[in-house]
């Protein structure tokens, strides 16, 4: 079955329009409504267009965890720990997707465990006075995101949309982290945070929504490569 290019173009057009509204025009709607709608659209695209393509299952599962996380953090603005856990489950789903494409995933598992434990220890040493459950979850989540981006770079032709998606994801979550660490930020980190706040531009969603669109579109790239191999 060939990719329906019209459906893809329509999806990208809708998401581009929603991003414009999110950044520049809210129409007096409650906070988070357009934001959450854009994530639901990305999830629906992946679910409907690729429901019969089993190898993209973990991409769809990741987007499902994402709309659950955004329901709490974006739409309701509550349950920060639960929302972060759900975002972590999304990254784990993408991490599993990569592992299913490998013949020997054990090395990646060991690297992920080592980097995660090392990061937790480093953050504990730096922020021992404020280190809590949320920070533990956030550190594990962030390291998994880094692992996913690095993995996507190892086979750039196969994972090109995902490599850009996770790069944007990293920009987004780094900005989120900066906004939450304002009381502890120093030097260049504090200056970057001040600049971001002073621009009065929603840089977080400028990077976040394109990352979700690219994750949904990566299923297209996956299927095209599978078809090439089959031919």
N, C-alpha and C. Protein backbone atom coordinates (compact mmCIF):
# COMPACT_ATOMS: atom_id res chain seq x y z
N UNK A 1 0.86 -1.20 0.00
CA UNK A 1 0.00 0.00 0.00
C UNK A 1 0.89 1.24 0.00
N UNK A 2 0.69 2.10 -0.98
CA UNK A 2 1.50 3.30 -1.10
C UNK A 2 1.06 4.36 -0.09
N UNK A 3 2.02 5.18 0.27
CA UNK A 3 1.73 6.25 1.22
C UNK A 3 0.78 7.25 0.58
N UNK A 4 -0.26 7.64 1.29
CA UNK A 4 -1.22 8.63 0.83
C UNK A 4 -0.63 10.02 1.06
N UNK A 5 -0.03 10.59 0.01
CA UNK A 5 0.67 11.86 0.15
C UNK A 5 -0.28 13.01 0.46
N UNK A 6 -1.48 12.94 -0.06
CA UNK A 6 -2.46 13.98 0.23
C UNK A 6 -2.80 14.03 1.70
N UNK A 7 -2.93 12.85 2.30
CA UNK A 7 -3.23 12.76 3.73
C UNK A 7 -2.08 13.34 4.55
N UNK A 8 -0.86 13.06 4.13
CA UNK A 8 0.32 13.56 4.83
C UNK A 8 0.41 15.08 4.71
N UNK A 9 0.18 15.60 3.50
CA UNK A 9 0.23 17.05 3.29
C UNK A 9 -0.84 17.74 4.13
N UNK A 10 -2.03 17.15 4.17
CA UNK A 10 -3.10 17.72 4.99
C UNK A 10 -2.74 17.74 6.46
N UNK A 11 -2.13 16.65 6.93
CA UNK A 11 -1.69 16.57 8.33
C UNK A 11 -0.68 17.65 8.66
N UNK A 12 0.33 17.81 7.82
CA UNK A 12 1.36 18.82 8.05
C UNK A 12 0.76 20.22 8.01
N UNK A 13 -0.18 20.44 7.08
CA UNK A 13 -0.81 21.77 6.97
C UNK A 13 -1.61 22.10 8.23
N UNK A 14 -2.36 21.13 8.75
CA UNK A 14 -3.14 21.35 9.97
C UNK A 14 -2.23 21.65 11.15
N UNK A 15 -1.16 20.89 11.28
CA UNK A 15 -0.24 21.10 12.40
C UNK A 15 0.49 22.44 12.28
N UNK A 16 0.82 22.83 11.06
CA UNK A 16 1.47 24.13 10.85
C UNK A 16 0.52 25.26 11.26
N UNK A 17 -0.74 25.13 10.88
CA UNK A 17 -1.74 26.14 11.26
C UNK A 17 -1.92 26.20 12.77
N UNK A 18 -1.98 25.02 13.41
CA UNK A 18 -2.13 24.98 14.87
C UNK A 18 -0.92 25.59 15.55
N UNK A 19 0.27 25.32 15.02
CA UNK A 19 1.48 25.90 15.61
C UNK A 19 1.44 27.43 15.51
N UNK A 20 0.99 27.94 14.37
CA UNK A 20 0.87 29.39 14.21
C UNK A 20 -0.09 29.97 15.26
N UNK A 21 -1.23 29.32 15.45
CA UNK A 21 -2.20 29.80 16.43
C UNK A 21 -1.63 29.71 17.85
N UNK A 22 -0.91 28.64 18.14
CA UNK A 22 -0.32 28.48 19.47
C UNK A 22 0.69 29.59 19.76
N UNK A 23 1.48 29.93 18.76
CA UNK A 23 2.54 30.92 18.96
C UNK A 23 2.04 32.36 18.92
N UNK A 24 1.01 32.61 18.10
CA UNK A 24 0.64 34.01 17.85
C UNK A 24 -0.81 34.37 18.12
N UNK A 25 -1.71 33.39 18.18
CA UNK A 25 -3.13 33.73 18.30
C UNK A 25 -3.88 32.62 19.02
N UNK A 26 -4.35 32.90 20.24
CA UNK A 26 -5.03 31.89 21.06
C UNK A 26 -6.56 31.94 20.94
N UNK A 27 -7.11 33.00 20.31
CA UNK A 27 -8.56 33.15 20.12
C UNK A 27 -9.33 33.16 21.43
N UNK A 28 -8.68 33.52 22.52
CA UNK A 28 -9.37 33.58 23.80
C UNK A 28 -9.73 32.23 24.38
N UNK A 29 -9.17 31.16 23.82
CA UNK A 29 -9.45 29.81 24.33
C UNK A 29 -8.71 29.58 25.64
N UNK A 30 -9.21 28.66 26.47
CA UNK A 30 -8.50 28.33 27.71
C UNK A 30 -7.08 27.87 27.42
N UNK A 31 -6.19 28.14 28.34
CA UNK A 31 -4.79 27.77 28.17
C UNK A 31 -4.63 26.27 27.95
N UNK A 32 -3.87 25.92 26.92
CA UNK A 32 -3.55 24.53 26.67
C UNK A 32 -4.46 23.81 25.70
N UNK A 33 -5.60 24.41 25.31
CA UNK A 33 -6.55 23.71 24.45
C UNK A 33 -5.97 23.47 23.06
N UNK A 34 -5.47 24.53 22.41
CA UNK A 34 -4.88 24.36 21.08
C UNK A 34 -3.63 23.50 21.15
N UNK A 35 -2.87 23.66 22.21
CA UNK A 35 -1.64 22.88 22.38
C UNK A 35 -1.98 21.39 22.41
N UNK A 36 -2.96 21.05 23.24
CA UNK A 36 -3.31 19.64 23.39
C UNK A 36 -3.94 19.09 22.10
N UNK A 37 -4.74 19.90 21.44
CA UNK A 37 -5.36 19.47 20.18
C UNK A 37 -4.29 19.10 19.16
N UNK A 38 -3.22 19.87 19.10
CA UNK A 38 -2.15 19.59 18.13
C UNK A 38 -1.48 18.25 18.40
N UNK A 39 -1.35 17.88 19.68
CA UNK A 39 -0.74 16.60 20.02
C UNK A 39 -1.70 15.45 19.70
N UNK A 40 -2.98 15.67 19.93
CA UNK A 40 -3.99 14.65 19.59
C UNK A 40 -4.00 14.40 18.08
N UNK A 41 -3.86 15.46 17.29
CA UNK A 41 -3.84 15.31 15.84
C UNK A 41 -2.64 14.46 15.40
N UNK A 42 -1.48 14.70 16.00
CA UNK A 42 -0.28 13.91 15.67
C UNK A 42 -0.49 12.44 16.03
N UNK A 43 -1.06 12.21 17.21
CA UNK A 43 -1.33 10.85 17.65
C UNK A 43 -2.33 10.17 16.72
N UNK A 44 -3.40 10.87 16.34
CA UNK A 44 -4.43 10.30 15.48
C UNK A 44 -3.87 9.96 14.10
N UNK A 45 -3.00 10.83 13.58
CA UNK A 45 -2.37 10.57 12.28
C UNK A 45 -1.60 9.26 12.31
N UNK A 46 -0.75 9.10 13.32
CA UNK A 46 0.05 7.88 13.42
C UNK A 46 -0.82 6.65 13.64
N UNK A 47 -1.84 6.80 14.47
CA UNK A 47 -2.71 5.66 14.79
C UNK A 47 -3.52 5.21 13.58
N UNK A 48 -4.11 6.16 12.86
CA UNK A 48 -4.98 5.81 11.73
C UNK A 48 -4.17 5.37 10.51
N UNK A 49 -3.13 6.12 10.20
CA UNK A 49 -2.40 5.87 8.96
C UNK A 49 -1.51 4.63 9.03
N UNK A 50 -1.09 4.25 10.22
CA UNK A 50 -0.13 3.16 10.34
C UNK A 50 -0.58 2.06 11.29
N UNK A 51 -1.89 1.93 11.48
CA UNK A 51 -2.38 0.94 12.43
C UNK A 51 -2.11 -0.49 11.99
N UNK A 52 -1.91 -0.70 10.69
CA UNK A 52 -1.65 -2.05 10.19
C UNK A 52 -0.16 -2.30 9.92
N UNK A 53 0.70 -1.40 10.42
CA UNK A 53 2.13 -1.57 10.20
C UNK A 53 2.79 -1.88 11.53
N UNK A 54 2.98 -3.18 11.84
CA UNK A 54 3.37 -3.60 13.19
C UNK A 54 4.72 -3.05 13.66
N UNK A 55 5.66 -2.80 12.77
CA UNK A 55 6.98 -2.37 13.21
C UNK A 55 7.01 -0.93 13.70
N UNK A 56 5.93 -0.19 13.45
CA UNK A 56 5.85 1.17 13.98
C UNK A 56 5.00 1.21 15.26
N UNK A 57 4.68 0.04 15.79
CA UNK A 57 3.82 -0.04 16.97
C UNK A 57 4.36 0.79 18.13
N UNK A 58 5.66 0.71 18.39
CA UNK A 58 6.22 1.41 19.54
C UNK A 58 6.26 2.91 19.34
N UNK A 59 6.28 3.36 18.08
CA UNK A 59 6.15 4.80 17.83
C UNK A 59 4.75 5.27 18.20
N UNK A 60 3.75 4.48 17.85
CA UNK A 60 2.37 4.84 18.19
C UNK A 60 2.14 4.78 19.69
N UNK A 61 2.74 3.79 20.34
CA UNK A 61 2.62 3.69 21.80
C UNK A 61 3.26 4.89 22.47
N UNK A 62 4.41 5.32 21.95
CA UNK A 62 5.07 6.50 22.50
C UNK A 62 4.21 7.75 22.38
N UNK A 63 3.56 7.92 21.24
CA UNK A 63 2.67 9.07 21.06
C UNK A 63 1.44 8.96 21.96
N UNK A 64 1.01 7.74 22.24
CA UNK A 64 -0.13 7.54 23.15
C UNK A 64 0.23 7.97 24.56
N UNK A 65 1.42 7.58 25.03
CA UNK A 65 1.87 8.04 26.34
C UNK A 65 2.01 9.56 26.36
N UNK A 66 2.41 10.14 25.22
CA UNK A 66 2.59 11.59 25.14
C UNK A 66 1.27 12.33 25.31
N UNK A 67 0.20 11.87 24.64
CA UNK A 67 -1.07 12.59 24.80
C UNK A 67 -1.60 12.42 26.22
N UNK A 68 -1.27 11.30 26.86
CA UNK A 68 -1.66 11.12 28.26
C UNK A 68 -0.91 12.10 29.14
N UNK A 69 0.40 12.26 28.88
CA UNK A 69 1.21 13.20 29.67
C UNK A 69 0.73 14.63 29.47
N UNK A 70 0.48 14.99 28.22
CA UNK A 70 0.04 16.35 27.93
C UNK A 70 -1.37 16.63 28.45
N UNK A 71 -2.16 15.61 28.63
CA UNK A 71 -3.49 15.81 29.22
C UNK A 71 -3.36 16.41 30.62
N UNK A 72 -2.38 15.90 31.37
CA UNK A 72 -2.19 16.40 32.74
C UNK A 72 -1.36 17.69 32.77
N UNK A 73 -0.25 17.71 32.02
CA UNK A 73 0.67 18.83 32.13
C UNK A 73 0.27 20.03 31.27
N UNK A 74 -0.30 19.78 30.10
CA UNK A 74 -0.63 20.87 29.19
C UNK A 74 -2.08 21.30 29.31
N UNK A 75 -3.00 20.34 29.27
CA UNK A 75 -4.41 20.70 29.28
C UNK A 75 -4.90 21.07 30.68
N UNK A 76 -4.55 20.24 31.68
CA UNK A 76 -5.01 20.50 33.04
C UNK A 76 -4.00 21.31 33.86
N UNK A 77 -2.71 21.17 33.51
CA UNK A 77 -1.68 21.88 34.26
C UNK A 77 -1.50 21.35 35.67
N UNK A 78 -1.74 20.05 35.86
CA UNK A 78 -1.62 19.45 37.19
C UNK A 78 -0.80 18.17 37.11
N UNK A 79 -0.60 17.54 38.26
CA UNK A 79 0.04 16.22 38.36
C UNK A 79 1.40 16.20 37.64
N UNK A 80 2.32 17.04 38.12
CA UNK A 80 3.62 17.17 37.45
C UNK A 80 4.41 15.87 37.48
N UNK A 81 4.39 15.18 38.61
CA UNK A 81 5.13 13.92 38.69
C UNK A 81 4.53 12.88 37.75
N UNK A 82 3.21 12.74 37.76
CA UNK A 82 2.55 11.77 36.88
C UNK A 82 2.82 12.11 35.42
N UNK A 83 2.72 13.39 35.06
CA UNK A 83 2.99 13.79 33.69
C UNK A 83 4.40 13.47 33.26
N UNK A 84 5.36 13.70 34.14
CA UNK A 84 6.76 13.41 33.82
C UNK A 84 6.99 11.92 33.66
N UNK A 85 6.33 11.12 34.50
CA UNK A 85 6.42 9.66 34.37
C UNK A 85 5.88 9.22 33.02
N UNK A 86 4.77 9.80 32.59
CA UNK A 86 4.17 9.44 31.31
C UNK A 86 5.07 9.84 30.15
N UNK A 87 5.72 11.00 30.25
CA UNK A 87 6.68 11.39 29.22
C UNK A 87 7.87 10.43 29.19
N UNK A 88 8.28 9.98 30.38
CA UNK A 88 9.36 8.99 30.44
C UNK A 88 8.94 7.69 29.75
N UNK A 89 7.71 7.25 29.97
CA UNK A 89 7.21 6.04 29.31
C UNK A 89 7.18 6.21 27.79
N UNK A 90 6.91 7.43 27.33
CA UNK A 90 6.96 7.69 25.89
C UNK A 90 8.37 7.49 25.36
N UNK A 91 9.37 8.05 26.08
CA UNK A 91 10.76 7.88 25.64
C UNK A 91 11.21 6.43 25.72
N UNK A 92 10.74 5.71 26.72
CA UNK A 92 11.06 4.28 26.82
C UNK A 92 10.47 3.53 25.62
N UNK A 93 9.27 3.92 25.18
CA UNK A 93 8.65 3.29 24.02
C UNK A 93 9.50 3.50 22.77
N UNK A 94 10.02 4.73 22.59
CA UNK A 94 10.88 4.99 21.44
C UNK A 94 12.21 4.24 21.59
N UNK A 95 12.69 4.15 22.81
CA UNK A 95 13.92 3.40 23.08
C UNK A 95 13.72 1.92 22.70
N UNK A 96 12.58 1.35 23.05
CA UNK A 96 12.28 -0.04 22.69
C UNK A 96 12.17 -0.18 21.18
N UNK A 97 11.57 0.82 20.52
CA UNK A 97 11.47 0.80 19.06
C UNK A 97 12.85 0.64 18.44
N UNK A 98 13.82 1.42 18.90
CA UNK A 98 15.18 1.31 18.38
C UNK A 98 15.77 -0.08 18.66
N UNK A 99 15.52 -0.59 19.87
CA UNK A 99 16.09 -1.89 20.22
C UNK A 99 15.50 -3.01 19.36
N UNK A 100 14.25 -2.88 18.96
CA UNK A 100 13.63 -3.91 18.12
C UNK A 100 14.24 -3.95 16.72
N UNK A 101 14.95 -2.89 16.34
CA UNK A 101 15.60 -2.83 15.03
C UNK A 101 17.04 -3.36 15.08
N UNK A 102 17.50 -3.73 16.29
CA UNK A 102 18.88 -4.16 16.45
C UNK A 102 18.97 -5.67 16.68
N UNK A 103 20.07 -6.26 16.23
CA UNK A 103 20.28 -7.68 16.43
C UNK A 103 20.79 -7.98 17.84
N UNK A 104 21.57 -7.05 18.41
CA UNK A 104 22.13 -7.25 19.74
C UNK A 104 21.93 -5.98 20.57
N UNK A 105 20.78 -5.87 21.24
CA UNK A 105 20.48 -4.64 21.99
C UNK A 105 21.10 -4.57 23.38
N UNK A 106 21.81 -5.63 23.81
CA UNK A 106 22.31 -5.68 25.20
C UNK A 106 23.29 -4.56 25.49
N UNK A 107 24.13 -4.21 24.52
CA UNK A 107 25.11 -3.15 24.74
C UNK A 107 24.41 -1.83 25.01
N UNK A 108 23.36 -1.53 24.25
CA UNK A 108 22.62 -0.29 24.45
C UNK A 108 21.97 -0.26 25.82
N UNK A 109 21.50 -1.40 26.30
CA UNK A 109 20.88 -1.48 27.62
C UNK A 109 21.89 -1.13 28.71
N UNK A 110 23.09 -1.69 28.60
CA UNK A 110 24.13 -1.43 29.59
C UNK A 110 24.57 0.04 29.57
N UNK A 111 24.70 0.61 28.37
CA UNK A 111 25.09 2.02 28.26
C UNK A 111 24.03 2.91 28.89
N UNK A 112 22.76 2.61 28.61
CA UNK A 112 21.66 3.41 29.17
C UNK A 112 21.66 3.33 30.70
N UNK A 113 21.87 2.15 31.25
CA UNK A 113 21.90 1.98 32.70
C UNK A 113 23.06 2.75 33.31
N UNK A 114 24.23 2.66 32.69
CA UNK A 114 25.42 3.35 33.22
C UNK A 114 25.23 4.87 33.20
N UNK A 115 24.79 5.40 32.06
CA UNK A 115 24.63 6.85 31.94
C UNK A 115 23.54 7.37 32.87
N UNK A 116 22.48 6.60 33.03
CA UNK A 116 21.39 7.03 33.89
C UNK A 116 21.82 7.08 35.35
N UNK A 117 22.48 6.03 35.82
CA UNK A 117 22.94 6.01 37.21
C UNK A 117 23.98 7.08 37.46
N UNK A 118 24.89 7.29 36.50
CA UNK A 118 25.91 8.33 36.65
C UNK A 118 25.27 9.71 36.74
N UNK A 119 24.27 9.95 35.89
CA UNK A 119 23.59 11.25 35.88
C UNK A 119 22.86 11.51 37.19
N UNK A 120 22.22 10.48 37.73
CA UNK A 120 21.51 10.62 39.00
C UNK A 120 22.50 11.00 40.11
N UNK A 121 23.65 10.34 40.14
CA UNK A 121 24.65 10.62 41.16
C UNK A 121 25.19 12.04 41.02
N UNK A 122 25.42 12.48 39.78
CA UNK A 122 25.94 13.83 39.55
C UNK A 122 24.92 14.88 40.00
N UNK A 123 23.66 14.69 39.61
CA UNK A 123 22.62 15.64 40.01
C UNK A 123 22.42 15.64 41.53
N UNK A 124 22.54 14.48 42.13
CA UNK A 124 22.39 14.41 43.59
C UNK A 124 23.52 15.18 44.28
N UNK A 125 24.74 15.05 43.72
CA UNK A 125 25.88 15.77 44.31
C UNK A 125 25.73 17.28 44.17
N UNK A 126 25.15 17.74 43.05
CA UNK A 126 25.01 19.17 42.81
C UNK A 126 23.81 19.76 43.54
N UNK A 127 22.69 19.01 43.51
CA UNK A 127 21.43 19.53 44.06
C UNK A 127 20.96 18.70 45.26
N UNK A 128 21.87 18.34 46.12
CA UNK A 128 21.53 17.45 47.23
C UNK A 128 20.45 18.03 48.14
N UNK A 129 20.40 19.37 48.23
CA UNK A 129 19.42 20.00 49.12
C UNK A 129 18.01 20.00 48.53
N UNK A 130 17.91 19.92 47.21
CA UNK A 130 16.60 19.99 46.56
C UNK A 130 16.28 18.74 45.75
N UNK A 131 17.13 17.72 45.87
CA UNK A 131 16.95 16.49 45.10
C UNK A 131 15.73 15.75 45.61
N UNK A 132 14.77 15.49 44.72
CA UNK A 132 13.54 14.81 45.12
C UNK A 132 13.11 13.83 44.04
N UNK A 133 11.94 13.21 44.22
CA UNK A 133 11.45 12.20 43.29
C UNK A 133 11.28 12.76 41.88
N UNK A 134 10.75 13.97 41.76
CA UNK A 134 10.55 14.58 40.45
C UNK A 134 11.86 14.74 39.70
N UNK A 135 12.91 15.15 40.42
CA UNK A 135 14.20 15.33 39.77
C UNK A 135 14.78 13.99 39.32
N UNK A 136 14.59 12.94 40.11
CA UNK A 136 15.06 11.60 39.72
C UNK A 136 14.40 11.17 38.42
N UNK A 137 13.08 11.30 38.37
CA UNK A 137 12.33 10.91 37.17
C UNK A 137 12.76 11.75 35.97
N UNK A 138 12.93 13.06 36.21
CA UNK A 138 13.32 13.97 35.12
C UNK A 138 14.70 13.62 34.58
N UNK A 139 15.63 13.27 35.46
CA UNK A 139 16.98 12.92 35.01
C UNK A 139 16.96 11.65 34.18
N UNK A 140 16.24 10.63 34.66
CA UNK A 140 16.15 9.37 33.91
C UNK A 140 15.50 9.61 32.55
N UNK A 141 14.44 10.41 32.55
CA UNK A 141 13.75 10.75 31.30
C UNK A 141 14.69 11.46 30.33
N UNK A 142 15.42 12.45 30.84
CA UNK A 142 16.30 13.26 29.99
C UNK A 142 17.42 12.42 29.40
N UNK A 143 17.98 11.52 30.18
CA UNK A 143 19.05 10.66 29.67
C UNK A 143 18.52 9.70 28.62
N UNK A 144 17.30 9.21 28.79
CA UNK A 144 16.70 8.32 27.80
C UNK A 144 16.47 9.07 26.50
N UNK A 145 16.05 10.33 26.60
CA UNK A 145 15.88 11.17 25.41
C UNK A 145 17.21 11.35 24.69
N UNK A 146 18.28 11.62 25.45
CA UNK A 146 19.61 11.75 24.84
C UNK A 146 20.02 10.45 24.14
N UNK A 147 19.76 9.32 24.78
CA UNK A 147 20.09 8.03 24.18
C UNK A 147 19.32 7.82 22.88
N UNK A 148 18.06 8.20 22.86
CA UNK A 148 17.26 8.04 21.65
C UNK A 148 17.81 8.90 20.51
N UNK A 149 18.21 10.13 20.85
CA UNK A 149 18.76 11.00 19.80
C UNK A 149 20.08 10.45 19.27
N UNK A 150 20.95 10.02 20.16
CA UNK A 150 22.24 9.46 19.73
C UNK A 150 22.03 8.22 18.88
N UNK A 151 21.09 7.36 19.29
CA UNK A 151 20.79 6.15 18.50
C UNK A 151 20.32 6.52 17.10
N UNK A 152 19.48 7.55 17.01
CA UNK A 152 18.96 7.95 15.70
C UNK A 152 20.06 8.43 14.77
N UNK A 153 21.16 8.94 15.35
CA UNK A 153 22.28 9.42 14.54
C UNK A 153 23.13 8.29 14.00
N UNK A 154 23.07 7.11 14.62
CA UNK A 154 23.92 6.00 14.20
C UNK A 154 23.50 5.44 12.84
N UNK A 155 22.21 5.58 12.50
CA UNK A 155 21.69 5.14 11.20
C UNK A 155 20.84 6.28 10.66
N UNK A 156 21.52 7.33 10.22
CA UNK A 156 20.83 8.58 9.90
C UNK A 156 19.84 8.42 8.74
N UNK A 157 20.18 7.63 7.75
CA UNK A 157 19.26 7.45 6.62
C UNK A 157 17.97 6.79 7.07
N UNK A 158 18.07 5.81 7.93
CA UNK A 158 16.89 5.09 8.40
C UNK A 158 16.07 5.94 9.38
N UNK A 159 16.77 6.70 10.23
CA UNK A 159 16.09 7.40 11.31
C UNK A 159 16.12 8.92 11.16
N UNK A 160 16.29 9.43 9.94
CA UNK A 160 16.47 10.87 9.78
C UNK A 160 15.35 11.71 10.40
N UNK A 161 14.06 11.41 10.13
CA UNK A 161 13.01 12.23 10.78
C UNK A 161 13.09 12.17 12.30
N UNK A 162 13.41 10.98 12.85
CA UNK A 162 13.51 10.85 14.30
C UNK A 162 14.70 11.61 14.86
N UNK A 163 15.78 11.66 14.10
CA UNK A 163 16.96 12.39 14.60
C UNK A 163 16.64 13.88 14.75
N UNK A 164 15.91 14.45 13.80
CA UNK A 164 15.50 15.85 13.91
C UNK A 164 14.46 16.00 15.03
N UNK A 165 13.54 15.04 15.11
CA UNK A 165 12.50 15.09 16.14
C UNK A 165 13.09 15.10 17.54
N UNK A 166 14.04 14.21 17.80
CA UNK A 166 14.64 14.14 19.14
C UNK A 166 15.56 15.31 19.41
N UNK A 167 16.16 15.89 18.38
CA UNK A 167 16.95 17.10 18.57
C UNK A 167 16.04 18.24 19.02
N UNK A 168 14.89 18.40 18.35
CA UNK A 168 13.92 19.41 18.77
C UNK A 168 13.39 19.13 20.17
N UNK A 169 13.18 17.84 20.44
CA UNK A 169 12.72 17.41 21.76
C UNK A 169 13.72 17.85 22.83
N UNK A 170 15.01 17.68 22.53
CA UNK A 170 16.05 18.07 23.47
C UNK A 170 16.06 19.58 23.70
N UNK A 171 15.91 20.35 22.61
CA UNK A 171 15.82 21.81 22.76
C UNK A 171 14.66 22.17 23.67
N UNK A 172 13.50 21.55 23.40
CA UNK A 172 12.29 21.84 24.18
C UNK A 172 12.49 21.54 25.66
N UNK A 173 12.96 20.33 25.96
CA UNK A 173 13.07 19.92 27.36
C UNK A 173 14.22 20.61 28.08
N UNK A 174 15.24 21.01 27.34
CA UNK A 174 16.30 21.80 27.96
C UNK A 174 15.75 23.16 28.39
N UNK A 175 14.90 23.75 27.56
CA UNK A 175 14.26 25.01 27.92
C UNK A 175 13.31 24.84 29.10
N UNK A 176 12.59 23.72 29.12
CA UNK A 176 11.72 23.43 30.26
C UNK A 176 12.55 23.32 31.54
N UNK A 177 13.67 22.60 31.43
CA UNK A 177 14.54 22.44 32.59
C UNK A 177 15.10 23.78 33.07
N UNK A 178 15.49 24.64 32.11
CA UNK A 178 16.00 25.96 32.48
C UNK A 178 14.94 26.78 33.20
N UNK A 179 13.71 26.70 32.70
CA UNK A 179 12.64 27.48 33.33
C UNK A 179 12.34 27.02 34.74
N UNK A 180 12.56 25.72 35.00
CA UNK A 180 12.30 25.18 36.34
C UNK A 180 13.48 25.37 37.28
N UNK A 181 14.66 25.63 36.73
CA UNK A 181 15.86 25.73 37.57
C UNK A 181 16.32 27.16 37.77
N UNK A 182 15.46 28.12 37.46
CA UNK A 182 15.84 29.54 37.57
C UNK A 182 16.47 29.90 38.92
N UNK A 183 15.95 29.42 40.05
CA UNK A 183 16.53 29.81 41.33
C UNK A 183 17.96 29.29 41.54
N UNK A 184 18.34 28.23 40.76
CA UNK A 184 19.64 27.61 40.98
C UNK A 184 20.62 27.89 39.83
N UNK A 185 20.12 28.52 38.76
CA UNK A 185 20.95 28.74 37.59
C UNK A 185 22.00 29.81 37.84
N UNK A 186 23.20 29.60 37.28
CA UNK A 186 24.29 30.54 37.45
C UNK A 186 25.01 30.73 36.12
N UNK A 187 25.73 31.84 35.99
CA UNK A 187 26.58 32.08 34.84
C UNK A 187 25.82 32.10 33.53
N UNK A 188 26.38 31.41 32.53
CA UNK A 188 25.81 31.41 31.19
C UNK A 188 24.43 30.78 31.18
N UNK A 189 24.20 29.80 32.06
CA UNK A 189 22.88 29.16 32.13
C UNK A 189 21.83 30.18 32.54
N UNK A 190 22.14 30.98 33.53
CA UNK A 190 21.20 32.01 33.98
C UNK A 190 20.96 33.04 32.90
N UNK A 191 22.01 33.40 32.16
CA UNK A 191 21.87 34.39 31.09
C UNK A 191 20.97 33.86 29.97
N UNK A 192 21.14 32.60 29.62
CA UNK A 192 20.28 31.99 28.59
C UNK A 192 18.84 31.98 29.04
N UNK A 193 18.63 31.61 30.30
CA UNK A 193 17.28 31.57 30.84
C UNK A 193 16.64 32.96 30.83
N UNK A 194 17.40 33.97 31.20
CA UNK A 194 16.88 35.34 31.20
C UNK A 194 16.54 35.79 29.78
N UNK A 195 17.38 35.42 28.81
CA UNK A 195 17.12 35.81 27.42
C UNK A 195 15.85 35.16 26.91
N UNK A 196 15.68 33.87 27.21
CA UNK A 196 14.48 33.15 26.78
C UNK A 196 13.23 33.81 27.35
N UNK A 197 13.28 34.15 28.64
CA UNK A 197 12.13 34.78 29.28
C UNK A 197 11.86 36.17 28.69
N UNK A 198 12.92 36.88 28.34
CA UNK A 198 12.78 38.25 27.85
C UNK A 198 12.21 38.31 26.44
N UNK A 199 12.37 37.25 25.66
CA UNK A 199 11.88 37.28 24.28
C UNK A 199 10.35 37.22 24.20
N UNK A 200 9.71 36.73 25.27
CA UNK A 200 8.25 36.59 25.31
C UNK A 200 7.74 35.77 24.11
N UNK A 201 8.50 34.77 23.72
CA UNK A 201 8.13 33.88 22.62
C UNK A 201 8.08 32.46 23.16
N UNK A 202 7.11 31.68 22.71
CA UNK A 202 6.94 30.32 23.22
C UNK A 202 7.91 29.36 22.53
N UNK A 203 9.17 29.46 22.93
CA UNK A 203 10.20 28.61 22.31
C UNK A 203 9.96 27.13 22.61
N UNK A 204 9.38 26.83 23.74
CA UNK A 204 9.16 25.42 24.10
C UNK A 204 8.27 24.75 23.07
N UNK A 205 7.13 25.37 22.74
CA UNK A 205 6.23 24.76 21.76
C UNK A 205 6.73 24.95 20.33
N UNK A 206 7.56 25.95 20.09
CA UNK A 206 8.19 26.11 18.79
C UNK A 206 9.00 24.88 18.43
N UNK A 207 9.62 24.25 19.44
CA UNK A 207 10.38 23.02 19.21
C UNK A 207 9.54 21.76 19.47
N UNK A 208 8.65 21.83 20.44
CA UNK A 208 7.94 20.63 20.88
C UNK A 208 6.98 20.08 19.83
N UNK A 209 6.11 20.94 19.29
CA UNK A 209 5.14 20.43 18.33
C UNK A 209 5.80 19.86 17.08
N UNK A 210 6.79 20.54 16.46
CA UNK A 210 7.47 19.91 15.32
C UNK A 210 8.08 18.55 15.66
N UNK A 211 8.56 18.40 16.90
CA UNK A 211 9.13 17.10 17.27
C UNK A 211 8.07 16.01 17.23
N UNK A 212 6.86 16.31 17.67
CA UNK A 212 5.79 15.31 17.66
C UNK A 212 5.32 15.01 16.24
N UNK A 213 5.27 16.04 15.41
CA UNK A 213 4.89 15.85 14.01
C UNK A 213 5.91 14.96 13.31
N UNK A 214 7.18 15.19 13.56
CA UNK A 214 8.24 14.39 12.93
C UNK A 214 8.23 12.95 13.42
N UNK A 215 7.91 12.74 14.69
CA UNK A 215 7.80 11.37 15.19
C UNK A 215 6.68 10.63 14.47
N UNK A 216 5.54 11.32 14.30
CA UNK A 216 4.42 10.71 13.57
C UNK A 216 4.81 10.44 12.11
N UNK A 217 5.52 11.39 11.50
CA UNK A 217 5.93 11.22 10.10
C UNK A 217 7.03 10.19 9.93
N UNK A 218 7.77 9.89 11.00
CA UNK A 218 8.87 8.92 10.89
C UNK A 218 8.35 7.54 10.52
N UNK A 219 7.09 7.26 10.85
CA UNK A 219 6.49 5.99 10.46
C UNK A 219 6.41 5.89 8.94
N UNK A 220 6.22 7.04 8.27
CA UNK A 220 6.20 7.06 6.80
C UNK A 220 7.56 6.65 6.27
N UNK A 221 8.62 7.26 6.82
CA UNK A 221 9.98 6.94 6.40
C UNK A 221 10.29 5.48 6.65
N UNK A 222 9.84 4.96 7.79
CA UNK A 222 10.08 3.56 8.14
C UNK A 222 9.47 2.65 7.08
N UNK A 223 8.24 2.92 6.70
CA UNK A 223 7.56 2.04 5.76
C UNK A 223 8.17 2.14 4.36
N UNK A 224 8.59 3.35 3.96
CA UNK A 224 9.21 3.50 2.67
C UNK A 224 10.51 2.70 2.56
N UNK A 225 11.29 2.71 3.66
CA UNK A 225 12.54 1.92 3.67
C UNK A 225 12.26 0.44 3.62
N UNK A 226 11.22 -0.01 4.34
CA UNK A 226 10.84 -1.42 4.32
C UNK A 226 10.42 -1.84 2.92
N UNK A 227 9.67 -0.95 2.22
CA UNK A 227 9.24 -1.24 0.86
C UNK A 227 10.42 -1.32 -0.09
N UNK A 228 11.42 -0.44 0.11
CA UNK A 228 12.62 -0.47 -0.73
C UNK A 228 13.35 -1.79 -0.58
N UNK A 229 13.48 -2.25 0.68
CA UNK A 229 14.15 -3.52 0.95
C UNK A 229 13.39 -4.67 0.27
N UNK A 230 12.04 -4.60 0.39
CA UNK A 230 11.21 -5.64 -0.19
C UNK A 230 11.32 -5.72 -1.70
N UNK A 231 11.52 -4.54 -2.33
CA UNK A 231 11.65 -4.52 -3.77
C UNK A 231 13.01 -5.04 -4.21
